[in-house]
């Protein structure tokens, strides 16, 4: 699949009000040729899942700095499964401690990109996971 056909919804779940990183990643993904829907701040997992299904995306990118990454990510994965949309892959980025990467993957998150991750790594993962 060509990059221009890959759709990604980027969202900030929970109460975290800092979205600069999510916007920078969104721009990098657009520059790489992906179709990016930036869904904004303070979204609930249910809102994110509904938008992902409505927008017919292949990926949901969650940007989380608040420390609630395990709970919020698990809820998004669970809601996608409940709505027969498990084919939508969830990617999590932000302030993610190394000790939480494996639990996130065990919960169904496809990839985790802590703040020090490169755009090249994120882009390469998305291209390889389609």
C-alpha atoms as a PDB file:
ATOM      1  CA  UNK A   1       0.000   0.000   0.000  1.00  0.00           C
ATOM      2  CA  UNK A   2       1.323   3.433  -0.884  1.00  0.00           C
ATOM      3  CA  UNK A   3       1.855   5.971   1.907  1.00  0.00           C
ATOM      4  CA  UNK A   4      -0.821   8.235   0.422  1.00  0.00           C
ATOM      5  CA  UNK A   5      -3.411   5.498   0.999  1.00  0.00           C
ATOM      6  CA  UNK A   6      -2.543   4.968   4.668  1.00  0.00           C
ATOM      7  CA  UNK A   7      -4.852   6.869   7.016  1.00  0.00           C
ATOM      8  CA  UNK A   8      -3.859   7.649  10.606  1.00  0.00           C
ATOM      9  CA  UNK A   9      -5.909   9.271  13.356  1.00  0.00           C
ATOM     10  CA  UNK A  10      -3.754  11.096  15.927  1.00  0.00           C
ATOM     11  CA  UNK A  11      -5.415  11.939  19.225  1.00  0.00           C
ATOM     12  CA  UNK A  12      -4.686  13.057  22.775  1.00  0.00           C
ATOM     13  CA  UNK A  13      -6.783  10.975  25.180  1.00  0.00           C
ATOM     14  CA  UNK A  14      -7.503  11.994  28.736  1.00  0.00           C
ATOM     15  CA  UNK A  15      -6.895  15.310  30.404  1.00  0.00           C
ATOM     16  CA  UNK A  16      -3.405  16.016  29.081  1.00  0.00           C
ATOM     17  CA  UNK A  17      -3.452  19.503  27.574  1.00  0.00           C
ATOM     18  CA  UNK A  18      -0.076  19.510  25.822  1.00  0.00           C
ATOM     19  CA  UNK A  19      -0.358  18.712  22.129  1.00  0.00           C
ATOM     20  CA  UNK A  20       2.775  20.165  20.573  1.00  0.00           C
ATOM     21  CA  UNK A  21       4.412  16.740  20.196  1.00  0.00           C
ATOM     22  CA  UNK A  22       1.291  15.237  18.648  1.00  0.00           C
ATOM     23  CA  UNK A  23       1.154  18.077  16.144  1.00  0.00           C
ATOM     24  CA  UNK A  24       4.845  17.695  15.273  1.00  0.00           C
ATOM     25  CA  UNK A  25       4.420  13.947  14.732  1.00  0.00           C
ATOM     26  CA  UNK A  26       1.283  14.583  12.668  1.00  0.00           C
ATOM     27  CA  UNK A  27       3.224  16.963  10.452  1.00  0.00           C
ATOM     28  CA  UNK A  28       6.081  14.456  10.020  1.00  0.00           C
ATOM     29  CA  UNK A  29       3.598  11.758   9.040  1.00  0.00           C
ATOM     30  CA  UNK A  30       1.931  14.084   6.527  1.00  0.00           C
ATOM     31  CA  UNK A  31       5.340  14.999   5.121  1.00  0.00           C
ATOM     32  CA  UNK A  32       5.983  11.260   4.675  1.00  0.00           C
ATOM     33  CA  UNK A  33       2.849  11.065   2.542  1.00  0.00           C
ATOM     34  CA  UNK A  34       0.327   9.606   4.989  1.00  0.00           C
ATOM     35  CA  UNK A  35      -3.213  10.906   5.351  1.00  0.00           C
ATOM     36  CA  UNK A  36      -3.398  12.232   8.917  1.00  0.00           C
ATOM     37  CA  UNK A  37      -6.493  13.218  10.821  1.00  0.00           C
ATOM     38  CA  UNK A  38      -5.526  15.221  13.905  1.00  0.00           C
ATOM     39  CA  UNK A  39      -8.372  14.648  16.362  1.00  0.00           C
ATOM     40  CA  UNK A  40      -7.180  16.990  19.080  1.00  0.00           C
ATOM     41  CA  UNK A  41      -7.013  17.246  22.844  1.00  0.00           C
ATOM     42  CA  UNK A  42      -8.954  15.770  25.733  1.00  0.00           C
ATOM     43  CA  UNK A  43     -10.704  13.021  23.811  1.00  0.00           C
ATOM     44  CA  UNK A  44     -12.283  10.008  25.451  1.00  0.00           C
ATOM     45  CA  UNK A  45     -11.375   6.518  24.276  1.00  0.00           C
ATOM     46  CA  UNK A  46     -14.935   6.145  22.947  1.00  0.00           C
ATOM     47  CA  UNK A  47     -14.653   9.354  20.907  1.00  0.00           C
ATOM     48  CA  UNK A  48     -11.314   8.214  19.497  1.00  0.00           C
ATOM     49  CA  UNK A  49     -12.643   4.791  18.511  1.00  0.00           C
ATOM     50  CA  UNK A  50     -15.783   6.234  16.925  1.00  0.00           C
ATOM     51  CA  UNK A  51     -13.718   8.726  14.913  1.00  0.00           C
ATOM     52  CA  UNK A  52     -11.248   6.023  13.842  1.00  0.00           C
ATOM     53  CA  UNK A  53     -14.066   3.868  12.504  1.00  0.00           C
ATOM     54  CA  UNK A  54     -15.841   6.804  10.856  1.00  0.00           C
ATOM     55  CA  UNK A  55     -12.613   8.006   9.208  1.00  0.00           C
ATOM     56  CA  UNK A  56     -11.731   4.451   8.065  1.00  0.00           C
ATOM     57  CA  UNK A  57      -8.175   4.638   9.369  1.00  0.00           C
ATOM     58  CA  UNK A  58      -5.558   1.897   9.521  1.00  0.00           C
ATOM     59  CA  UNK A  59      -3.877   3.309  12.641  1.00  0.00           C
ATOM     60  CA  UNK A  60      -4.748   5.249  15.764  1.00  0.00           C
ATOM     61  CA  UNK A  61      -1.819   7.185  17.193  1.00  0.00           C
ATOM     62  CA  UNK A  62      -2.277   8.062  20.856  1.00  0.00           C
ATOM     63  CA  UNK A  63      -0.058  10.795  22.261  1.00  0.00           C
ATOM     64  CA  UNK A  64       0.042  10.528  26.047  1.00  0.00           C
ATOM     65  CA  UNK A  65       2.150  12.554  28.461  1.00  0.00           C
ATOM     66  CA  UNK A  66      -0.043  12.283  31.539  1.00  0.00           C
ATOM     67  CA  UNK A  67       1.052   8.886  32.851  1.00  0.00           C
ATOM     68  CA  UNK A  68      -2.323   7.264  32.124  1.00  0.00           C
ATOM     69  CA  UNK A  69      -1.003   5.479  29.033  1.00  0.00           C
ATOM     70  CA  UNK A  70      -1.733   1.935  30.251  1.00  0.00           C
ATOM     71  CA  UNK A  71      -5.367   2.551  31.151  1.00  0.00           C
ATOM     72  CA  UNK A  72      -6.194   4.755  28.167  1.00  0.00           C
ATOM     73  CA  UNK A  73      -4.479   2.511  25.619  1.00  0.00           C
ATOM     74  CA  UNK A  74      -6.115  -0.634  26.990  1.00  0.00           C
ATOM     75  CA  UNK A  75      -9.520   1.050  26.784  1.00  0.00           C
ATOM     76  CA  UNK A  76      -9.015   2.090  23.147  1.00  0.00           C
ATOM     77  CA  UNK A  77      -7.871  -1.421  22.163  1.00  0.00           C
ATOM     78  CA  UNK A  78     -10.826  -2.963  24.012  1.00  0.00           C
ATOM     79  CA  UNK A  79     -13.371  -0.620  22.415  1.00  0.00           C
ATOM     80  CA  UNK A  80     -11.958  -1.274  18.939  1.00  0.00           C
ATOM     81  CA  UNK A  81     -12.398  -5.016  19.544  1.00  0.00           C
ATOM     82  CA  UNK A  82     -15.945  -4.515  20.829  1.00  0.00           C
ATOM     83  CA  UNK A  83     -16.818  -2.602  17.658  1.00  0.00           C
ATOM     84  CA  UNK A  84     -15.308  -5.252  15.347  1.00  0.00           C
ATOM     85  CA  UNK A  85     -12.481  -2.900  14.418  1.00  0.00           C
ATOM     86  CA  UNK A  86      -9.469  -4.818  15.737  1.00  0.00           C
ATOM     87  CA  UNK A  87      -7.851  -4.410  12.331  1.00  0.00           C
ATOM     88  CA  UNK A  88      -7.142  -0.784  13.302  1.00  0.00           C
ATOM     89  CA  UNK A  89      -3.704  -0.812  14.904  1.00  0.00           C
ATOM     90  CA  UNK A  90      -3.001   1.331  17.960  1.00  0.00           C
ATOM     91  CA  UNK A  91       0.343   3.114  18.311  1.00  0.00           C
ATOM     92  CA  UNK A  92       1.257   4.924  21.516  1.00  0.00           C
ATOM     93  CA  UNK A  93       3.791   7.702  21.880  1.00  0.00           C
ATOM     94  CA  UNK A  94       4.800  10.167  24.530  1.00  0.00           C
ATOM     95  CA  UNK A  95       6.203   9.916  28.016  1.00  0.00           C
ATOM     96  CA  UNK A  96       6.290   6.132  28.265  1.00  0.00           C
ATOM     97  CA  UNK A  97       8.664   4.495  30.772  1.00  0.00           C
ATOM     98  CA  UNK A  98      10.584   1.496  29.430  1.00  0.00           C
ATOM     99  CA  UNK A  99       8.931  -0.755  32.027  1.00  0.00           C
ATOM    100  CA  UNK A 100       5.505  -0.050  30.473  1.00  0.00           C
ATOM    101  CA  UNK A 101       6.350  -0.931  26.869  1.00  0.00           C
ATOM    102  CA  UNK A 102       5.805  -4.693  27.231  1.00  0.00           C
ATOM    103  CA  UNK A 103       2.545  -4.317  29.215  1.00  0.00           C
ATOM    104  CA  UNK A 104       1.249  -1.983  26.488  1.00  0.00           C
ATOM    105  CA  UNK A 105       2.119  -4.522  23.796  1.00  0.00           C
ATOM    106  CA  UNK A 106       0.552  -7.310  25.863  1.00  0.00           C
ATOM    107  CA  UNK A 107      -2.629  -5.206  25.992  1.00  0.00           C
ATOM    108  CA  UNK A 108      -2.749  -5.109  22.195  1.00  0.00           C
ATOM    109  CA  UNK A 109      -0.819  -1.958  21.317  1.00  0.00           C
ATOM    110  CA  UNK A 110       1.040  -2.531  18.040  1.00  0.00           C
ATOM    111  CA  UNK A 111       3.995  -0.250  18.783  1.00  0.00           C
ATOM    112  CA  UNK A 112       5.256   2.139  21.431  1.00  0.00           C
ATOM    113  CA  UNK A 113       7.354   5.204  20.648  1.00  0.00           C
ATOM    114  CA  UNK A 114       8.694   7.035  23.714  1.00  0.00           C
ATOM    115  CA  UNK A 115       9.584  10.721  23.375  1.00  0.00           C
ATOM    116  CA  UNK A 116      13.132  10.024  22.186  1.00  0.00           C
ATOM    117  CA  UNK A 117      11.908   7.976  19.176  1.00  0.00           C
ATOM    118  CA  UNK A 118      12.797   9.190  15.702  1.00  0.00           C
ATOM    119  CA  UNK A 119      10.275  10.094  13.024  1.00  0.00           C
ATOM    120  CA  UNK A 120      12.070   7.618  10.757  1.00  0.00           C
ATOM    121  CA  UNK A 121      11.339   4.768  13.188  1.00  0.00           C
ATOM    122  CA  UNK A 122       7.662   5.702  13.433  1.00  0.00           C
ATOM    123  CA  UNK A 123       7.292   6.027   9.669  1.00  0.00           C
ATOM    124  CA  UNK A 124       9.142   2.761   9.017  1.00  0.00           C
ATOM    125  CA  UNK A 125       6.928   0.904  11.481  1.00  0.00           C
ATOM    126  CA  UNK A 126       3.725   2.203   9.899  1.00  0.00           C
ATOM    127  CA  UNK A 127       4.881   1.272   6.409  1.00  0.00           C
ATOM    128  CA  UNK A 128       5.883  -2.223   7.532  1.00  0.00           C
ATOM    129  CA  UNK A 129       2.714  -2.852   9.543  1.00  0.00           C
ATOM    130  CA  UNK A 130       0.207  -2.185   6.767  1.00  0.00           C
END
